[in-house]
Amino acid sequence: MPLFRPLRPARLALATALLLLPLTALADWRDIPYEDVAKMPLMLQKVDPGHVYSFSFKASPMKGQAMPADFRLQLKLKDGQLLPVKIAPDGRVDLPIRQDWAHDGTVLQSNQPKGVVMVAMNLDARIPPGTKMSYAQLTESLPILERGISEYAGIMSF
């Protein structure tokens, strides 16, 4: 009896399909330029040394859709290394912001097609210590911030 038995066509087809599965999974990731996502937080780091503004990212389903249970984000670095991005159960996205990644071609990858999940950047402002103002004064700048954020937010819909 020979030591090597030729594979039957069904076994060969199954082996080929199993080998192609990882390639199929890789094809499902969609690239978003990290530089575009990190632009506002990097700018804040430069112009806001007192940390009056803080930012956060939050993922939520687009209107009329449910949040996909398998939603994932990852960073693909210049050298091809993949770093998973942590997404909390409440949708908060723990996205590291680094200047070097913004300039070297790093991409943020989503495993969902465009229009299924939105990742929004939230800006929160604190009142500087010792400042006394009314709520009306505090919210006076809100319409301006909302206009600026809505113009910028278009690139954040992914």
Protein backbone atom coordinates (compact mmCIF):
# COMPACT_ATOMS: atom_id res chain seq x y z
CA MET A 1 0.00 0.00 0.00
CA PRO A 2 1.50 3.37 -0.99
CA LEU A 3 2.23 5.89 1.76
CA PHE A 4 0.65 8.75 -0.19
CA ARG A 5 -2.94 8.52 -1.38
CA PRO A 6 -4.04 11.03 -3.98
CA LEU A 7 -6.75 13.40 -2.77
CA ARG A 8 -10.17 12.88 -4.15
CA PRO A 9 -11.75 15.87 -5.93
CA ALA A 10 -14.12 16.60 -3.00
CA ARG A 11 -11.25 16.66 -0.51
CA LEU A 12 -9.22 18.87 -2.81
CA ALA A 13 -12.13 21.31 -3.18
CA LEU A 14 -12.62 21.43 0.61
CA ALA A 15 -8.91 22.01 1.22
CA THR A 16 -8.87 24.82 -1.36
CA ALA A 17 -11.96 26.45 0.20
CA LEU A 18 -10.41 26.32 3.67
CA LEU A 19 -7.23 27.94 2.40
CA LEU A 20 -9.20 30.76 0.78
CA LEU A 21 -11.30 31.57 3.87
CA PRO A 22 -8.73 33.89 5.47
CA LEU A 23 -8.31 35.74 2.16
CA THR A 24 -12.06 36.26 1.95
CA ALA A 25 -12.16 37.65 5.49
CA LEU A 26 -9.35 40.09 4.68
CA ALA A 27 -11.23 41.38 1.65
CA ASP A 28 -14.11 42.57 3.88
CA TRP A 29 -12.10 45.33 5.61
CA ARG A 30 -12.67 48.87 4.34
CA ASP A 31 -9.87 51.46 4.60
CA ILE A 32 -10.40 54.92 6.08
CA PRO A 33 -7.38 57.27 6.04
CA TYR A 34 -6.18 57.60 9.64
CA GLU A 35 -4.89 61.08 8.86
CA ASP A 36 -8.47 62.27 8.22
CA VAL A 37 -9.78 60.71 11.43
CA ALA A 38 -6.94 62.06 13.59
CA LYS A 39 -6.87 65.58 12.08
CA MET A 40 -9.09 67.30 14.67
CA PRO A 41 -7.62 65.60 17.79
CA LEU A 42 -4.08 66.35 16.57
CA MET A 43 -5.01 69.97 15.95
CA LEU A 44 -6.49 70.19 19.46
CA GLN A 45 -3.24 68.87 20.94
CA LYS A 46 -1.41 71.79 19.30
CA VAL A 47 -3.80 74.66 20.00
CA ASP A 48 -5.28 73.63 23.36
CA PRO A 49 -2.38 73.16 25.82
CA GLY A 50 -4.74 73.77 28.76
CA HIS A 51 -6.98 70.88 27.66
CA VAL A 52 -10.14 72.97 27.68
CA TYR A 53 -11.52 70.63 25.03
CA SER A 54 -11.44 66.87 25.19
CA PHE A 55 -12.54 64.48 22.50
CA SER A 56 -13.93 61.00 22.31
CA PHE A 57 -15.14 58.68 19.57
CA LYS A 58 -18.40 56.75 19.70
CA ALA A 59 -19.76 54.16 17.28
CA SER A 60 -23.48 53.91 16.66
CA PRO A 61 -25.67 52.36 13.98
CA MET A 62 -26.92 54.54 11.15
CA LYS A 63 -30.58 55.55 11.37
CA GLY A 64 -32.97 52.69 10.88
CA GLN A 65 -30.34 50.01 11.42
CA ALA A 66 -29.21 47.88 14.34
CA MET A 67 -25.59 47.86 15.49
CA PRO A 68 -23.91 44.85 13.87
CA ALA A 69 -22.81 42.37 16.54
CA ASP A 70 -19.58 41.70 14.65
CA PHE A 71 -18.56 45.39 14.21
CA ARG A 72 -14.79 45.74 14.46
CA LEU A 73 -12.19 48.43 13.85
CA GLN A 74 -8.46 47.95 13.46
CA LEU A 75 -5.44 50.06 12.57
CA LYS A 76 -3.18 48.93 9.77
CA LEU A 77 0.25 50.46 10.30
CA LYS A 78 2.78 51.31 7.61
CA ASP A 79 4.66 48.03 8.18
CA GLY A 80 1.44 46.00 7.78
CA GLN A 81 1.00 45.36 11.51
CA LEU A 82 -2.67 45.17 12.54
CA LEU A 83 -3.77 46.67 15.88
CA PRO A 84 -7.33 46.00 17.06
CA VAL A 85 -9.23 49.09 18.25
CA LYS A 86 -11.20 48.53 21.45
CA ILE A 87 -14.93 49.25 21.25
CA ALA A 88 -16.78 49.33 24.58
CA PRO A 89 -20.30 47.88 24.91
CA ASP A 90 -21.70 51.44 24.99
CA GLY A 91 -19.99 52.18 21.64
CA ARG A 92 -17.08 54.24 22.98
CA VAL A 93 -14.10 53.75 20.66
CA ASP A 94 -10.62 53.77 22.21
CA LEU A 95 -8.70 55.09 19.21
CA PRO A 96 -5.08 56.07 19.92
CA ILE A 97 -4.08 59.38 18.34
CA ARG A 98 -0.49 59.62 17.14
CA GLN A 99 1.11 62.20 14.88
CA ASP A 100 3.55 59.68 13.36
CA TRP A 101 0.70 57.40 12.28
CA ALA A 102 -1.14 60.33 10.68
CA HIS A 103 1.77 61.03 8.36
CA ASP A 104 3.01 57.55 7.49
CA GLY A 105 -0.02 56.12 5.70
CA THR A 106 -1.70 54.29 8.59
CA VAL A 107 -5.31 53.39 7.84
CA LEU A 108 -8.27 52.73 10.09
CA GLN A 109 -10.14 49.68 8.87
CA SER A 110 -13.79 48.86 9.43
CA ASN A 111 -15.34 45.48 8.77
CA GLN A 112 -18.68 47.09 7.86
CA PRO A 113 -19.69 48.69 4.57
CA LYS A 114 -20.21 52.44 4.41
CA GLY A 115 -23.59 53.53 5.70
CA VAL A 116 -24.01 50.83 8.36
CA VAL A 117 -22.07 52.26 11.34
CA MET A 118 -21.19 55.86 12.12
CA VAL A 119 -18.22 56.73 14.31
CA ALA A 120 -18.71 60.24 15.65
CA MET A 121 -16.14 62.42 17.32
CA ASN A 122 -17.50 64.23 20.38
CA LEU A 123 -15.93 67.43 21.66
CA ASP A 124 -16.47 68.28 25.31
CA ALA A 125 -15.48 71.63 26.79
CA ARG A 126 -14.78 72.35 30.41
CA ILE A 127 -15.15 75.66 32.12
CA PRO A 128 -11.72 77.04 32.98
CA PRO A 129 -11.07 76.97 36.75
CA GLY A 130 -12.25 80.12 38.52
CA THR A 131 -14.56 81.16 35.68
CA LYS A 132 -18.02 82.25 36.68
CA MET A 133 -20.62 82.48 33.96
CA SER A 134 -24.27 81.80 33.38
CA TYR A 135 -25.58 78.86 31.41
CA ALA A 136 -26.67 81.28 28.66
CA GLN A 137 -23.13 82.64 28.37
CA LEU A 138 -21.68 79.16 28.42
CA THR A 139 -23.89 77.95 25.55
CA GLU A 140 -23.55 81.12 23.48
CA SER A 141 -20.85 79.52 21.31
CA LEU A 142 -22.80 76.29 20.78
CA PRO A 143 -24.34 77.20 17.37
CA ILE A 144 -20.88 78.04 16.03
CA LEU A 145 -19.39 74.78 17.30
CA GLU A 146 -22.33 72.81 15.89
CA ARG A 147 -21.84 74.32 12.41
CA GLY A 148 -18.12 73.61 12.49
CA ILE A 149 -18.59 70.08 13.73
CA SER A 150 -21.30 69.27 11.17
CA GLU A 151 -19.04 70.45 8.34
CA TYR A 152 -16.14 68.41 9.68
CA ALA A 153 -18.29 65.38 10.58
CA GLY A 154 -18.91 64.44 6.95
CA ILE A 155 -15.58 62.65 6.78
CA MET A 156 -16.35 60.78 10.00
CA SER A 157 -19.29 58.83 8.53
CA PHE A 158 -17.85 55.42 7.89
